[in-house]
Protein backbone atom coordinates (compact mmCIF):
# COMPACT_ATOMS: atom_id res chain seq x y z
CA MET A 1 137.82 63.36 96.45
CA LYS A 2 139.08 66.67 95.03
CA PRO A 3 142.50 65.29 93.99
CA LEU A 4 140.75 62.41 92.23
CA LEU A 5 138.39 64.77 90.44
CA PHE A 6 141.37 66.89 89.40
CA LEU A 7 143.09 63.78 88.04
CA ALA A 8 139.95 62.68 86.20
CA ASN A 9 139.44 66.14 84.70
CA ALA A 10 143.10 66.30 83.66
CA PHE A 11 142.72 62.94 81.90
CA ILE A 12 139.47 64.01 80.24
CA ASN A 13 140.92 67.34 79.08
CA THR A 14 144.18 65.77 77.88
CA PHE A 15 142.42 63.36 75.55
CA GLY A 16 139.71 65.82 74.49
CA ILE A 17 136.85 63.80 75.86
CA THR A 18 133.48 65.57 76.25
CA GLN A 19 133.03 66.91 79.78
CA PRO A 20 130.87 64.48 81.79
CA SER A 21 128.16 65.34 84.29
CA LYS A 22 129.13 65.76 87.93
CA GLU A 23 128.00 62.22 88.79
CA ALA A 24 129.88 60.73 85.87
CA ALA A 25 133.00 62.71 86.79
CA GLU A 26 132.88 61.33 90.34
CA GLN A 27 132.41 57.81 89.00
CA SER A 28 135.35 58.20 86.63
CA ALA A 29 137.47 59.57 89.49
CA ARG A 30 136.72 56.45 91.56
CA PHE A 31 137.50 54.23 88.58
CA ILE A 32 140.83 55.95 87.95
CA ALA A 33 141.68 55.69 91.66
CA ALA A 34 140.91 51.96 91.57
CA LEU A 35 143.17 51.50 88.53
CA ILE A 36 146.00 53.42 90.19
CA GLY A 37 145.59 51.32 93.33
CA LEU A 38 145.65 48.13 91.27
CA VAL A 39 148.84 49.18 89.49
CA ILE A 40 150.49 50.00 92.82
CA LEU A 41 149.51 46.60 94.23
CA ILE A 42 150.89 44.82 91.18
CA VAL A 43 154.18 46.74 91.32
CA VAL A 44 154.57 46.03 95.05
CA GLY A 45 153.72 42.35 94.50
CA VAL A 46 156.29 41.98 91.71
CA ALA A 47 158.92 43.79 93.79
CA LEU A 48 158.28 41.55 96.80
CA ALA A 49 158.43 38.43 94.63
CA ALA A 50 161.71 39.61 93.10
CA LEU A 51 163.18 40.34 96.53
CA TYR A 52 162.08 36.92 97.76
CA LEU A 53 163.67 35.19 94.78
CA LEU A 54 166.88 37.17 95.13
CA ALA A 55 167.10 36.43 98.86
CA ARG A 56 166.70 32.68 98.27
CA HIS A 57 169.82 32.45 96.11
CA PRO A 58 173.10 32.71 98.02
C-alpha cells in the first residue's frame, strides 16, 4: 500500500489539492490503482486485438 500512497500523495501535491485525511488518502490510492489497472487492461486488450488482426492477414 505504501507505493500507492506515495503515488496518491504525488498526484495530490502536483495538482495542489488539499491534503486529505489518512482514510481518504488510502481510498484515493485504491482508486488510482484501479484506474492504472484498467488502463493496463485496455492497452493489453487493444494490443492483443491488433496482433490477432495482423496474424489473420497473410
